Amino acid sequence: MYLLFDIGGTKTRLAFSEDGKTFEEPEIFLTSDNFEEGMAFIKKTGEKLAKGRKIKALAGGIAGSLDREKKKTLILPHLLGWQGKPLANHLREAFL
């Protein structure tokens, strides 16, 4: 049970995978430039996709770079409101 994410400069995609090989129909929505708003929508959408199933792990990508520990965003040219934010902590608190 995995939640897959792709946080792009324009759109965000989330999908649920039971086996880590295939995934269900993704939800696609506009990425908010506001980090808190974006994370709230990701949490709401992820919970909807999980349908009460336990999420074991998260995997995905973001349109920019992360710090060495892959916990905090660094440079996101198309998401200025997301720069310097603790992405990993927010995702962990929301889903794990």
N, C-alpha and C. Protein backbone atom coordinates (compact mmCIF):
# COMPACT_ATOMS: atom_id res chain seq x y z
N MET A 1 0.83 -1.16 0.00
CA MET A 1 0.00 0.00 0.00
C MET A 1 0.89 1.25 0.00
N TYR A 2 0.89 1.91 -1.13
CA TYR A 2 1.79 3.04 -1.33
C TYR A 2 1.02 4.23 -1.88
N LEU A 3 1.42 5.41 -1.46
CA LEU A 3 0.90 6.62 -2.06
C LEU A 3 2.01 7.21 -2.92
N LEU A 4 1.71 7.39 -4.19
CA LEU A 4 2.67 7.92 -5.15
C LEU A 4 2.33 9.38 -5.42
N PHE A 5 3.35 10.23 -5.52
CA PHE A 5 3.09 11.64 -5.76
C PHE A 5 4.07 12.21 -6.78
N ASP A 6 3.58 13.22 -7.49
CA ASP A 6 4.40 14.00 -8.41
C ASP A 6 3.95 15.45 -8.23
N ILE A 7 4.74 16.23 -7.51
CA ILE A 7 4.40 17.62 -7.25
C ILE A 7 5.15 18.47 -8.27
N GLY A 8 4.43 18.88 -9.28
CA GLY A 8 5.03 19.66 -10.35
C GLY A 8 4.80 21.15 -10.18
N GLY A 9 5.43 21.92 -11.01
CA GLY A 9 5.30 23.37 -10.97
C GLY A 9 3.92 23.86 -11.35
N THR A 10 3.17 23.03 -12.08
CA THR A 10 1.83 23.40 -12.51
C THR A 10 0.78 22.48 -11.92
N LYS A 11 1.02 21.16 -12.01
CA LYS A 11 0.04 20.19 -11.54
C LYS A 11 0.67 19.20 -10.57
N THR A 12 -0.17 18.68 -9.69
CA THR A 12 0.21 17.62 -8.76
C THR A 12 -0.59 16.39 -9.12
N ARG A 13 0.07 15.24 -9.04
CA ARG A 13 -0.59 13.96 -9.32
C ARG A 13 -0.39 13.07 -8.10
N LEU A 14 -1.46 12.41 -7.68
CA LEU A 14 -1.39 11.44 -6.59
C LEU A 14 -2.07 10.16 -7.07
N ALA A 15 -1.52 9.02 -6.69
CA ALA A 15 -2.13 7.74 -7.03
C ALA A 15 -1.84 6.76 -5.90
N PHE A 16 -2.70 5.76 -5.76
CA PHE A 16 -2.54 4.73 -4.75
C PHE A 16 -2.12 3.44 -5.44
N SER A 17 -1.21 2.72 -4.83
CA SER A 17 -0.74 1.44 -5.36
C SER A 17 -0.82 0.39 -4.27
N GLU A 18 -1.44 -0.72 -4.58
CA GLU A 18 -1.51 -1.85 -3.63
C GLU A 18 -0.20 -2.63 -3.61
N ASP A 19 0.45 -2.76 -4.79
CA ASP A 19 1.59 -3.68 -4.90
C ASP A 19 2.92 -3.01 -5.25
N GLY A 20 2.93 -1.72 -5.48
CA GLY A 20 4.16 -1.02 -5.84
C GLY A 20 4.55 -1.22 -7.30
N LYS A 21 3.73 -1.93 -8.06
CA LYS A 21 4.01 -2.17 -9.48
C LYS A 21 2.98 -1.52 -10.38
N THR A 22 1.74 -1.48 -9.93
CA THR A 22 0.66 -0.87 -10.68
C THR A 22 0.00 0.18 -9.77
N PHE A 23 -0.72 1.10 -10.37
CA PHE A 23 -1.40 2.09 -9.55
C PHE A 23 -2.80 2.35 -10.08
N GLU A 24 -3.64 2.78 -9.16
CA GLU A 24 -5.02 3.10 -9.49
C GLU A 24 -5.08 4.44 -10.22
N GLU A 25 -6.26 4.80 -10.67
CA GLU A 25 -6.46 6.06 -11.40
C GLU A 25 -5.94 7.24 -10.57
N PRO A 26 -5.05 8.05 -11.12
CA PRO A 26 -4.51 9.17 -10.35
C PRO A 26 -5.49 10.34 -10.25
N GLU A 27 -5.31 11.12 -9.21
CA GLU A 27 -6.00 12.41 -9.07
C GLU A 27 -5.00 13.46 -9.53
N ILE A 28 -5.43 14.37 -10.37
CA ILE A 28 -4.57 15.42 -10.89
C ILE A 28 -5.22 16.76 -10.57
N PHE A 29 -4.45 17.67 -9.99
CA PHE A 29 -4.98 18.98 -9.62
C PHE A 29 -3.88 20.02 -9.72
N LEU A 30 -4.26 21.28 -9.78
CA LEU A 30 -3.30 22.36 -9.86
C LEU A 30 -2.50 22.45 -8.57
N THR A 31 -1.21 22.68 -8.69
CA THR A 31 -0.34 22.83 -7.53
C THR A 31 -0.45 24.26 -7.01
N SER A 32 -0.78 24.39 -5.74
CA SER A 32 -0.84 25.72 -5.11
C SER A 32 0.58 26.21 -4.87
N ASP A 33 0.82 27.50 -5.09
CA ASP A 33 2.13 28.07 -4.78
C ASP A 33 2.32 28.22 -3.27
N ASN A 34 1.23 28.14 -2.51
CA ASN A 34 1.29 28.23 -1.06
C ASN A 34 1.51 26.82 -0.49
N PHE A 35 2.62 26.62 0.20
CA PHE A 35 2.99 25.30 0.70
C PHE A 35 1.92 24.69 1.61
N GLU A 36 1.43 25.46 2.57
CA GLU A 36 0.45 24.93 3.52
C GLU A 36 -0.85 24.53 2.81
N GLU A 37 -1.31 25.36 1.88
CA GLU A 37 -2.51 25.02 1.12
C GLU A 37 -2.27 23.78 0.27
N GLY A 38 -1.12 23.72 -0.38
CA GLY A 38 -0.79 22.56 -1.22
C GLY A 38 -0.74 21.28 -0.41
N MET A 39 -0.11 21.33 0.76
CA MET A 39 -0.01 20.14 1.60
C MET A 39 -1.37 19.72 2.14
N ALA A 40 -2.23 20.67 2.47
CA ALA A 40 -3.57 20.36 2.95
C ALA A 40 -4.36 19.64 1.86
N PHE A 41 -4.22 20.09 0.61
CA PHE A 41 -4.94 19.46 -0.49
C PHE A 41 -4.37 18.07 -0.79
N ILE A 42 -3.05 17.93 -0.68
CA ILE A 42 -2.43 16.62 -0.88
C ILE A 42 -2.92 15.65 0.18
N LYS A 43 -3.00 16.09 1.42
CA LYS A 43 -3.48 15.22 2.50
C LYS A 43 -4.92 14.80 2.25
N LYS A 44 -5.77 15.75 1.93
CA LYS A 44 -7.19 15.47 1.68
C LYS A 44 -7.34 14.48 0.51
N THR A 45 -6.62 14.72 -0.56
CA THR A 45 -6.71 13.87 -1.74
C THR A 45 -6.12 12.49 -1.47
N GLY A 46 -5.00 12.43 -0.77
CA GLY A 46 -4.38 11.15 -0.43
C GLY A 46 -5.29 10.29 0.43
N GLU A 47 -5.96 10.89 1.39
CA GLU A 47 -6.89 10.15 2.23
C GLU A 47 -8.06 9.61 1.41
N LYS A 48 -8.53 10.42 0.46
CA LYS A 48 -9.61 9.99 -0.43
C LYS A 48 -9.17 8.78 -1.26
N LEU A 49 -7.97 8.84 -1.81
CA LEU A 49 -7.46 7.73 -2.64
C LEU A 49 -7.22 6.46 -1.82
N ALA A 50 -6.78 6.62 -0.58
CA ALA A 50 -6.47 5.46 0.27
C ALA A 50 -7.74 4.70 0.68
N LYS A 51 -8.86 5.39 0.74
CA LYS A 51 -10.14 4.76 1.08
C LYS A 51 -10.04 3.94 2.37
N GLY A 52 -9.35 4.50 3.35
CA GLY A 52 -9.22 3.82 4.64
C GLY A 52 -8.13 2.78 4.71
N ARG A 53 -7.47 2.49 3.59
CA ARG A 53 -6.38 1.52 3.59
C ARG A 53 -5.13 2.16 4.17
N LYS A 54 -4.37 1.38 4.90
CA LYS A 54 -3.15 1.89 5.53
C LYS A 54 -2.07 2.12 4.47
N ILE A 55 -1.44 3.27 4.54
CA ILE A 55 -0.33 3.61 3.65
C ILE A 55 0.96 3.17 4.32
N LYS A 56 1.71 2.31 3.65
CA LYS A 56 2.95 1.78 4.19
C LYS A 56 4.15 2.67 3.86
N ALA A 57 4.11 3.29 2.69
CA ALA A 57 5.23 4.13 2.26
C ALA A 57 4.75 5.13 1.21
N LEU A 58 5.54 6.18 1.03
CA LEU A 58 5.29 7.20 0.03
C LEU A 58 6.46 7.23 -0.93
N ALA A 59 6.18 7.51 -2.18
CA ALA A 59 7.26 7.65 -3.17
C ALA A 59 6.84 8.69 -4.19
N GLY A 60 7.80 9.47 -4.65
CA GLY A 60 7.45 10.45 -5.66
C GLY A 60 8.56 11.41 -5.96
N GLY A 61 8.15 12.49 -6.60
CA GLY A 61 9.11 13.50 -7.00
C GLY A 61 8.52 14.88 -6.87
N ILE A 62 9.40 15.86 -6.94
CA ILE A 62 9.00 17.26 -6.86
C ILE A 62 9.83 18.05 -7.86
N ALA A 63 9.23 19.11 -8.39
CA ALA A 63 9.89 19.93 -9.41
C ALA A 63 10.91 20.85 -8.76
N GLY A 64 12.02 20.28 -8.34
CA GLY A 64 13.07 21.08 -7.71
C GLY A 64 14.04 20.18 -6.98
N SER A 65 14.81 20.78 -6.10
CA SER A 65 15.83 20.01 -5.39
C SER A 65 15.53 19.95 -3.89
N LEU A 66 16.08 18.89 -3.28
CA LEU A 66 15.94 18.67 -1.84
C LEU A 66 17.31 18.74 -1.18
N ASP A 67 17.33 18.88 0.14
CA ASP A 67 18.60 18.88 0.85
C ASP A 67 19.21 17.47 0.84
N ARG A 68 20.40 17.32 1.38
CA ARG A 68 21.10 16.02 1.33
C ARG A 68 20.32 14.90 2.01
N GLU A 69 19.60 15.24 3.07
CA GLU A 69 18.82 14.23 3.80
C GLU A 69 17.47 13.96 3.14
N LYS A 70 17.17 14.69 2.08
CA LYS A 70 15.91 14.57 1.33
C LYS A 70 14.70 14.81 2.22
N LYS A 71 14.83 15.80 3.09
CA LYS A 71 13.74 16.13 4.00
C LYS A 71 13.16 17.51 3.75
N LYS A 72 13.98 18.42 3.26
CA LYS A 72 13.58 19.82 3.11
C LYS A 72 13.79 20.27 1.67
N THR A 73 12.86 21.05 1.17
CA THR A 73 13.00 21.58 -0.18
C THR A 73 14.07 22.66 -0.22
N LEU A 74 14.74 22.77 -1.33
CA LEU A 74 15.75 23.82 -1.51
C LEU A 74 15.30 24.78 -2.60
N ILE A 75 15.62 24.46 -3.83
CA ILE A 75 15.32 25.35 -4.96
C ILE A 75 14.20 24.75 -5.79
N LEU A 76 13.09 25.47 -5.87
CA LEU A 76 11.95 25.08 -6.69
C LEU A 76 11.57 26.29 -7.53
N PRO A 77 12.13 26.41 -8.73
CA PRO A 77 11.95 27.62 -9.53
C PRO A 77 10.49 27.96 -9.85
N HIS A 78 9.63 26.95 -9.91
CA HIS A 78 8.23 27.20 -10.26
C HIS A 78 7.31 27.17 -9.05
N LEU A 79 7.88 26.91 -7.87
CA LEU A 79 7.09 26.86 -6.64
C LEU A 79 7.82 27.63 -5.54
N LEU A 80 7.90 28.91 -5.70
CA LEU A 80 8.67 29.73 -4.76
C LEU A 80 8.14 29.62 -3.33
N GLY A 81 6.85 29.44 -3.17
CA GLY A 81 6.26 29.31 -1.84
C GLY A 81 6.58 27.99 -1.15
N TRP A 82 7.22 27.07 -1.85
CA TRP A 82 7.58 25.77 -1.29
C TRP A 82 9.05 25.69 -0.90
N GLN A 83 9.82 26.70 -1.23
CA GLN A 83 11.27 26.68 -0.96
C GLN A 83 11.55 26.72 0.55
N GLY A 84 12.48 25.87 0.97
CA GLY A 84 12.89 25.84 2.37
C GLY A 84 11.89 25.19 3.31
N LYS A 85 10.96 24.43 2.78
CA LYS A 85 9.91 23.82 3.60
C LYS A 85 10.24 22.35 3.93
N PRO A 86 9.80 21.88 5.11
CA PRO A 86 10.06 20.50 5.54
C PRO A 86 9.07 19.52 4.90
N LEU A 87 9.24 19.25 3.63
CA LEU A 87 8.32 18.41 2.88
C LEU A 87 8.18 17.01 3.48
N ALA A 88 9.30 16.36 3.78
CA ALA A 88 9.25 14.99 4.30
C ALA A 88 8.46 14.92 5.61
N ASN A 89 8.66 15.86 6.50
CA ASN A 89 7.94 15.86 7.78
C ASN A 89 6.44 16.03 7.56
N HIS A 90 6.07 16.91 6.66
CA HIS A 90 4.65 17.12 6.39
C HIS A 90 4.01 15.86 5.80
N LEU A 91 4.68 15.23 4.87
CA LEU A 91 4.13 14.00 4.27
C LEU A 91 4.05 12.88 5.31
N ARG A 92 5.07 12.74 6.12
CA ARG A 92 5.08 11.70 7.15
C ARG A 92 3.94 11.92 8.15
N GLU A 93 3.79 13.15 8.62
CA GLU A 93 2.71 13.45 9.57
C GLU A 93 1.33 13.23 8.96
N ALA A 94 1.18 13.51 7.70
CA ALA A 94 -0.11 13.38 7.04
C ALA A 94 -0.51 11.94 6.78
N PHE A 95 0.47 11.06 6.49
CA PHE A 95 0.11 9.74 6.00
C PHE A 95 0.69 8.54 6.74
N LEU A 96 1.75 8.71 7.50
CA LEU A 96 2.38 7.54 8.12
C LEU A 96 2.21 7.52 9.63
